[in-house]
């Protein structure tokens, strides 16, 4: 009798277990299908423009699906590097997320509240100091190139004599030419080329002082970091030759302060290759979006070369660009 009841119990447990597994699987399928469909409009990369009292400030957001229903992401404010978003709350076409401050002043968090519109997204960003500004956003272009580029003739962007072809923006201009060297002796304005480019190969030779910091912005939107990174430091996307906040070099191949060094950078669509002092440290990597300090978030447009001059002394001597035809 005991064995019969035991066998019966095992049989019932097996049936119940099977039914429970099927029911659980049905629940999983339902959960995995519905949220993805509802959230599809928000998932992706967004080029954002913030209206700061009449001044346009670029920003960027990427929203991803984590697991069955949780939205996560990355956010770039008008300054600073890309930072993770632990959860993007979404419902009824509206979304919100909060992240800790980075370089912003104030004691609060940074909060974004938005909604999906017929043309993209819009909403309000509230900074840690309590100031709030409206924003709008559109889906970022993929920038896929269907064929390899055909290269044109090299262009000397710096003539070795003066600032012809360049303009200073931001603070008072401190850039000058000394003995054939384009020099920013102290923190001040950034320097932007008057010509704009899409895909290109760029050769720059530069020299920085101990502890200084600068950068080369590609199309005015993607910063390749120049800084006196710690010797022996593990590669990081915010250190020397990284695409700021996004792509770490394979190795920090820096020669150190007061030494002339070279970047050879190829940008095709979103894909970048960076050769530092003759060594390839980034190979055909995708840049997800704009980096902090970008001139704008219009990623589908041509843009200038721009040198950061507001973080310390920096010098350039050769600036040669070879645009794609």
Protein backbone atom coordinates (compact mmCIF):
# COMPACT_ATOMS: atom_id res chain seq x y z
CA UNK A 1 0.00 0.00 0.00
CA UNK A 2 2.75 2.42 0.93
CA UNK A 3 4.57 1.85 -2.37
CA UNK A 4 1.37 2.34 -4.39
CA UNK A 5 0.58 5.65 -2.68
CA UNK A 6 4.19 6.70 -3.11
CA UNK A 7 4.08 5.92 -6.83
CA UNK A 8 0.77 7.77 -7.14
CA UNK A 9 2.27 10.77 -5.35
CA UNK A 10 5.27 10.80 -7.62
CA UNK A 11 3.03 10.59 -10.68
CA UNK A 12 0.89 13.49 -9.52
CA UNK A 13 3.97 15.54 -8.69
CA UNK A 14 5.36 14.90 -12.14
CA UNK A 15 2.11 15.96 -13.77
CA UNK A 16 1.84 19.06 -11.57
CA UNK A 17 5.50 19.89 -12.19
CA UNK A 18 5.05 19.59 -15.92
CA UNK A 19 1.93 21.74 -15.84
CA UNK A 20 3.72 24.28 -13.69
CA UNK A 21 6.66 24.40 -16.09
CA UNK A 22 4.33 24.92 -19.05
CA UNK A 23 2.42 27.62 -17.20
CA UNK A 24 5.64 29.32 -16.17
CA UNK A 25 6.94 29.17 -19.74
CA UNK A 26 3.68 30.65 -21.02
CA UNK A 27 4.07 33.46 -18.50
CA UNK A 28 7.67 34.06 -19.58
CA UNK A 29 6.65 34.16 -23.24
CA UNK A 30 3.88 36.64 -22.47
CA UNK A 31 6.17 38.84 -20.45
CA UNK A 32 8.93 38.74 -23.03
CA UNK A 33 6.62 39.59 -25.93
CA UNK A 34 4.48 42.43 -24.61
CA UNK A 35 7.06 44.79 -23.06
CA UNK A 36 9.39 44.56 -26.06
CA UNK A 37 6.57 45.58 -28.40
CA UNK A 38 5.40 48.41 -26.14
CA UNK A 39 8.89 49.74 -25.52
CA UNK A 40 10.16 49.39 -29.07
CA UNK A 41 9.57 53.06 -29.87
CA UNK A 42 11.96 54.16 -27.11
CA UNK A 43 14.70 51.56 -27.58
CA UNK A 44 17.67 52.87 -29.56
CA UNK A 45 20.00 55.85 -29.73
CA UNK A 46 18.80 59.43 -29.53
CA UNK A 47 20.48 62.68 -30.57
CA UNK A 48 19.22 65.27 -28.13
CA UNK A 49 19.27 69.07 -28.09
CA UNK A 50 18.70 70.92 -24.80
CA UNK A 51 17.42 74.49 -24.85
CA UNK A 52 19.37 76.25 -22.09
CA UNK A 53 17.80 79.69 -22.03
CA UNK A 54 18.05 80.07 -25.78
CA UNK A 55 21.42 78.35 -26.15
CA UNK A 56 21.43 74.92 -27.77
CA UNK A 57 23.36 72.25 -25.86
CA UNK A 58 23.89 68.76 -27.32
CA UNK A 59 23.14 65.57 -25.42
CA UNK A 60 22.71 61.86 -26.19
CA UNK A 61 20.78 58.86 -24.88
CA UNK A 62 20.82 55.15 -25.61
CA UNK A 63 18.03 52.90 -24.33
CA UNK A 64 18.40 49.11 -24.30
CA UNK A 65 16.25 46.18 -23.20
CA UNK A 66 17.82 44.16 -20.36
CA UNK A 67 16.22 40.76 -19.97
CA UNK A 68 12.47 40.54 -20.59
CA UNK A 69 11.17 43.95 -19.59
CA UNK A 70 13.75 46.20 -17.90
CA UNK A 71 15.01 49.20 -19.83
CA UNK A 72 18.55 50.40 -19.12
CA UNK A 73 20.80 52.80 -20.94
CA UNK A 74 23.64 55.29 -21.28
CA UNK A 75 23.45 59.07 -21.15
CA UNK A 76 25.78 61.89 -22.19
CA UNK A 77 24.98 65.36 -20.91
CA UNK A 78 26.25 68.60 -22.45
CA UNK A 79 29.58 67.90 -20.74
CA UNK A 80 31.28 64.90 -19.16
CA UNK A 81 31.45 61.30 -20.27
CA UNK A 82 28.90 58.60 -21.01
CA UNK A 83 27.38 57.24 -17.80
CA UNK A 84 25.17 54.22 -17.18
CA UNK A 85 21.46 54.45 -16.48
CA UNK A 86 20.40 51.63 -14.14
CA UNK A 87 16.75 51.77 -15.17
CA UNK A 88 14.60 53.77 -17.55
CA UNK A 89 11.03 53.68 -16.29
CA UNK A 90 8.51 53.66 -19.13
CA UNK A 91 4.73 53.63 -19.43
CA UNK A 92 1.97 55.18 -21.51
CA UNK A 93 4.50 56.69 -23.89
CA UNK A 94 6.38 58.50 -21.11
CA UNK A 95 9.77 57.75 -19.59
CA UNK A 96 11.95 58.90 -16.73
CA UNK A 97 15.36 58.13 -15.20
CA UNK A 98 17.64 59.51 -12.56
CA UNK A 99 21.43 59.32 -12.34
CA UNK A 100 23.98 60.67 -9.85
CA UNK A 101 25.83 63.90 -10.68
CA UNK A 102 29.13 63.75 -12.54
CA UNK A 103 30.76 67.15 -13.14
CA UNK A 104 27.59 69.15 -12.55
CA UNK A 105 27.31 71.51 -9.59
CA UNK A 106 24.61 70.98 -6.98
CA UNK A 107 23.79 68.28 -4.45
CA UNK A 108 20.88 66.54 -6.16
CA UNK A 109 20.68 63.97 -8.93
CA UNK A 110 20.22 64.54 -12.64
CA UNK A 111 16.68 63.67 -13.71
CA UNK A 112 15.24 63.26 -17.19
CA UNK A 113 11.49 63.17 -17.83
CA UNK A 114 10.32 62.65 -21.39
CA UNK A 115 7.70 61.35 -23.75
CA UNK A 116 7.54 59.89 -27.24
CA UNK A 117 6.20 62.22 -29.92
CA UNK A 118 5.31 61.80 -33.58
CA UNK A 119 8.78 63.04 -34.55
CA UNK A 120 10.96 61.68 -31.74
CA UNK A 121 11.09 62.49 -28.05
CA UNK A 122 10.77 65.60 -25.91
CA UNK A 123 10.87 66.43 -22.23
CA UNK A 124 12.73 68.16 -19.43
CA UNK A 125 16.16 67.64 -17.93
CA UNK A 126 16.69 68.78 -14.34
CA UNK A 127 20.28 69.24 -13.23
CA UNK A 128 21.62 68.58 -9.72
CA UNK A 129 21.49 72.30 -8.94
CA UNK A 130 17.74 72.31 -9.58
CA UNK A 131 17.75 74.11 -12.94
CA UNK A 132 15.42 72.56 -15.53
CA UNK A 133 15.52 72.91 -19.31
CA UNK A 134 13.41 71.49 -22.14
CA UNK A 135 14.86 69.10 -24.71
CA UNK A 136 13.92 67.45 -27.98
CA UNK A 137 15.47 64.38 -29.56
CA UNK A 138 15.51 62.39 -32.79
CA UNK A 139 16.70 58.88 -33.55
CA UNK A 140 20.43 58.91 -34.23
CA UNK A 141 21.49 57.90 -37.76
CA UNK A 142 23.31 54.60 -38.19
CA UNK A 143 25.92 56.17 -40.51
CA UNK A 144 26.49 52.91 -42.36
CA UNK A 145 28.72 53.23 -45.43
CA UNK A 146 27.94 50.83 -48.28
CA UNK A 147 31.41 50.98 -49.82
CA UNK A 148 34.98 51.67 -48.74
CA UNK A 149 35.94 55.33 -49.18
CA UNK A 150 37.98 56.69 -52.02
CA UNK A 151 40.38 59.25 -50.63
CA UNK A 152 40.92 62.74 -51.99
CA UNK A 153 43.96 64.98 -51.71
CA UNK A 154 45.49 65.86 -48.31
CA UNK A 155 44.68 69.32 -46.94
CA UNK A 156 47.00 71.27 -44.65
CA UNK A 157 44.53 72.65 -42.09
CA UNK A 158 47.28 74.59 -40.27
CA UNK A 159 49.51 76.75 -42.47
CA UNK A 160 52.30 77.16 -39.88
CA UNK A 161 51.98 80.96 -39.96
CA UNK A 162 48.69 82.14 -38.46
CA UNK A 163 45.13 81.14 -37.55
CA UNK A 164 43.78 81.35 -41.10
CA UNK A 165 41.04 78.74 -41.50
CA UNK A 166 40.32 78.54 -37.78
CA UNK A 167 38.07 80.34 -35.31
CA UNK A 168 38.18 80.50 -31.50
CA UNK A 169 34.95 79.92 -29.57
CA UNK A 170 33.92 80.07 -25.95
CA UNK A 171 36.30 82.13 -23.84
CA UNK A 172 38.68 84.89 -24.96
CA UNK A 173 41.08 83.65 -27.62
CA UNK A 174 44.48 82.57 -26.28
CA UNK A 175 45.59 80.64 -29.40
CA UNK A 176 48.63 81.97 -31.29
CA UNK A 177 51.36 80.75 -33.62
CA UNK A 178 54.89 80.64 -32.22
CA UNK A 179 57.76 79.57 -34.48
CA UNK A 180 55.44 77.56 -36.68
CA UNK A 181 53.63 75.92 -33.76
CA UNK A 182 49.90 76.36 -33.05
CA UNK A 183 49.99 77.16 -29.33
CA UNK A 184 47.46 77.45 -26.53
CA UNK A 185 49.64 78.60 -23.60
CA UNK A 186 46.83 78.53 -21.03
CA UNK A 187 43.20 77.51 -20.61
CA UNK A 188 40.81 79.56 -22.72
CA UNK A 189 38.91 79.19 -25.98
CA UNK A 190 38.50 76.09 -28.08
CA UNK A 191 39.68 76.21 -31.70
CA UNK A 192 37.49 75.07 -34.59
CA UNK A 193 38.31 74.60 -38.26
CA UNK A 194 36.20 76.59 -40.70
CA UNK A 195 36.03 73.64 -43.08
CA UNK A 196 33.72 70.73 -42.34
CA UNK A 197 34.17 67.08 -43.21
CA UNK A 198 32.33 63.76 -43.30
CA UNK A 199 34.72 60.78 -43.59
CA UNK A 200 38.45 61.43 -43.42
CA UNK A 201 41.95 60.46 -42.41
CA UNK A 202 43.52 62.92 -39.95
CA UNK A 203 47.19 63.33 -38.99
CA UNK A 204 47.98 65.58 -36.02
CA UNK A 205 51.24 66.20 -34.19
CA UNK A 206 50.90 67.59 -30.68
CA UNK A 207 52.73 68.24 -27.43
CA UNK A 208 51.34 68.81 -23.92
CA UNK A 209 52.71 69.97 -20.59
CA UNK A 210 52.83 67.84 -17.45
CA UNK A 211 49.33 67.45 -16.04
CA UNK A 212 47.64 69.10 -19.03
CA UNK A 213 44.51 67.96 -20.85
CA UNK A 214 43.10 68.55 -24.33
CA UNK A 215 41.37 66.66 -27.11
CA UNK A 216 40.76 66.36 -30.84
CA UNK A 217 37.07 66.40 -31.77
CA UNK A 218 36.14 64.56 -34.96
CA UNK A 219 33.33 66.29 -36.88
CA UNK A 220 33.17 68.46 -33.78
CA UNK A 221 31.33 65.65 -31.94
CA UNK A 222 33.62 62.79 -30.98
CA UNK A 223 36.60 63.56 -28.73
CA UNK A 224 39.84 61.61 -28.93
CA UNK A 225 41.41 62.35 -25.59
CA UNK A 226 44.79 64.04 -25.18
CA UNK A 227 46.02 64.16 -21.62
CA UNK A 228 48.97 63.43 -19.39
CA UNK A 229 47.62 60.06 -18.26
CA UNK A 230 49.32 58.26 -15.36
CA UNK A 231 52.29 56.18 -16.44
CA UNK A 232 51.42 52.47 -16.39
CA UNK A 233 47.69 53.16 -16.01
CA UNK A 234 45.26 50.56 -17.27
CA UNK A 235 43.69 51.73 -20.57
CA UNK A 236 40.48 53.66 -20.07
CA UNK A 237 38.10 55.53 -22.40
CA UNK A 238 38.82 58.73 -20.46
CA UNK A 239 42.62 58.39 -20.69
CA UNK A 240 45.10 59.23 -23.45
CA UNK A 241 43.91 58.21 -26.97
CA UNK A 242 40.51 56.96 -25.80
CA UNK A 243 37.30 58.09 -27.48
CA UNK A 244 36.11 59.95 -24.43
CA UNK A 245 33.80 57.85 -22.29
CA UNK A 246 33.18 55.23 -25.00
CA UNK A 247 36.24 53.43 -26.39
CA UNK A 248 39.39 52.51 -24.47
CA UNK A 249 42.66 52.09 -26.40
CA UNK A 250 44.29 48.66 -26.30
CA UNK A 251 47.33 50.27 -24.67
CA UNK A 252 48.33 53.78 -23.61
CA UNK A 253 51.15 54.37 -26.08
CA UNK A 254 51.98 57.85 -24.80
CA UNK A 255 55.50 59.30 -24.80
CA UNK A 256 54.73 61.61 -21.88
CA UNK A 257 54.73 65.40 -21.46
CA UNK A 258 56.95 67.78 -23.46
CA UNK A 259 57.32 65.23 -26.28
CA UNK A 260 56.01 65.60 -29.83
CA UNK A 261 53.50 62.80 -30.48
CA UNK A 262 51.20 61.76 -33.33
CA UNK A 263 47.64 60.64 -33.83
CA UNK A 264 46.61 59.13 -37.16
CA UNK A 265 42.84 58.81 -37.06
CA UNK A 266 40.53 57.34 -39.70
CA UNK A 267 36.80 58.02 -39.34
CA UNK A 268 34.32 56.34 -41.68
CA UNK A 269 30.69 56.63 -40.66
CA UNK A 270 30.75 55.77 -36.94
CA UNK A 271 33.83 53.57 -37.18
CA UNK A 272 37.18 54.86 -36.02
CA UNK A 273 40.75 53.59 -36.15
CA UNK A 274 43.39 55.35 -34.05
CA UNK A 275 47.14 54.96 -34.49
CA UNK A 276 49.25 56.53 -31.73
CA UNK A 277 52.94 57.15 -32.31
CA UNK A 278 52.90 54.44 -34.97
CA UNK A 279 50.97 51.85 -32.96
CA UNK A 280 47.32 50.96 -33.65
CA UNK A 281 45.38 51.18 -30.38
CA UNK A 282 41.78 51.30 -31.69
CA UNK A 283 40.80 49.22 -34.72
CA UNK A 284 37.60 50.02 -36.63
CA UNK A 285 35.49 50.46 -33.49
CA UNK A 286 32.00 51.96 -33.54
CA UNK A 287 31.49 55.27 -31.74
CA UNK A 288 27.99 54.97 -30.22
CA UNK A 289 27.26 58.70 -29.99
CA UNK A 290 28.51 62.19 -29.27
CA UNK A 291 30.93 62.78 -26.43
CA UNK A 292 30.69 65.53 -23.82
CA UNK A 293 31.68 68.95 -25.12
CA UNK A 294 30.40 68.28 -28.65
CA UNK A 295 29.44 71.29 -30.74
CA UNK A 296 26.06 69.77 -31.60
CA UNK A 297 24.23 66.45 -31.79
CA UNK A 298 23.53 66.51 -35.54
CA UNK A 299 25.40 63.29 -36.23
CA UNK A 300 24.25 62.94 -39.80
CA UNK A 301 25.94 66.19 -40.87
CA UNK A 302 29.53 67.06 -41.75
CA UNK A 303 31.50 68.74 -39.00
CA UNK A 304 34.80 70.51 -38.26
CA UNK A 305 37.98 69.47 -36.54
CA UNK A 306 38.11 71.09 -33.14
CA UNK A 307 40.86 71.32 -30.55
CA UNK A 308 40.03 71.61 -26.87
CA UNK A 309 41.77 74.62 -25.35
CA UNK A 310 39.93 75.05 -22.05
CA UNK A 311 41.75 72.38 -20.01
CA UNK A 312 45.38 73.49 -20.04
CA UNK A 313 48.34 74.22 -22.34
CA UNK A 314 48.56 72.35 -25.64
CA UNK A 315 50.53 72.69 -28.90
CA UNK A 316 50.00 71.40 -32.44
CA UNK A 317 52.33 71.64 -35.41
CA UNK A 318 51.06 69.47 -38.28
CA UNK A 319 47.34 69.12 -38.93
CA UNK A 320 46.70 67.26 -42.20
CA UNK A 321 43.32 65.90 -43.24
CA UNK A 322 42.55 63.67 -46.20
CA UNK A 323 38.80 63.72 -46.87
CA UNK A 324 36.89 60.96 -48.61
CA UNK A 325 35.70 61.90 -52.09
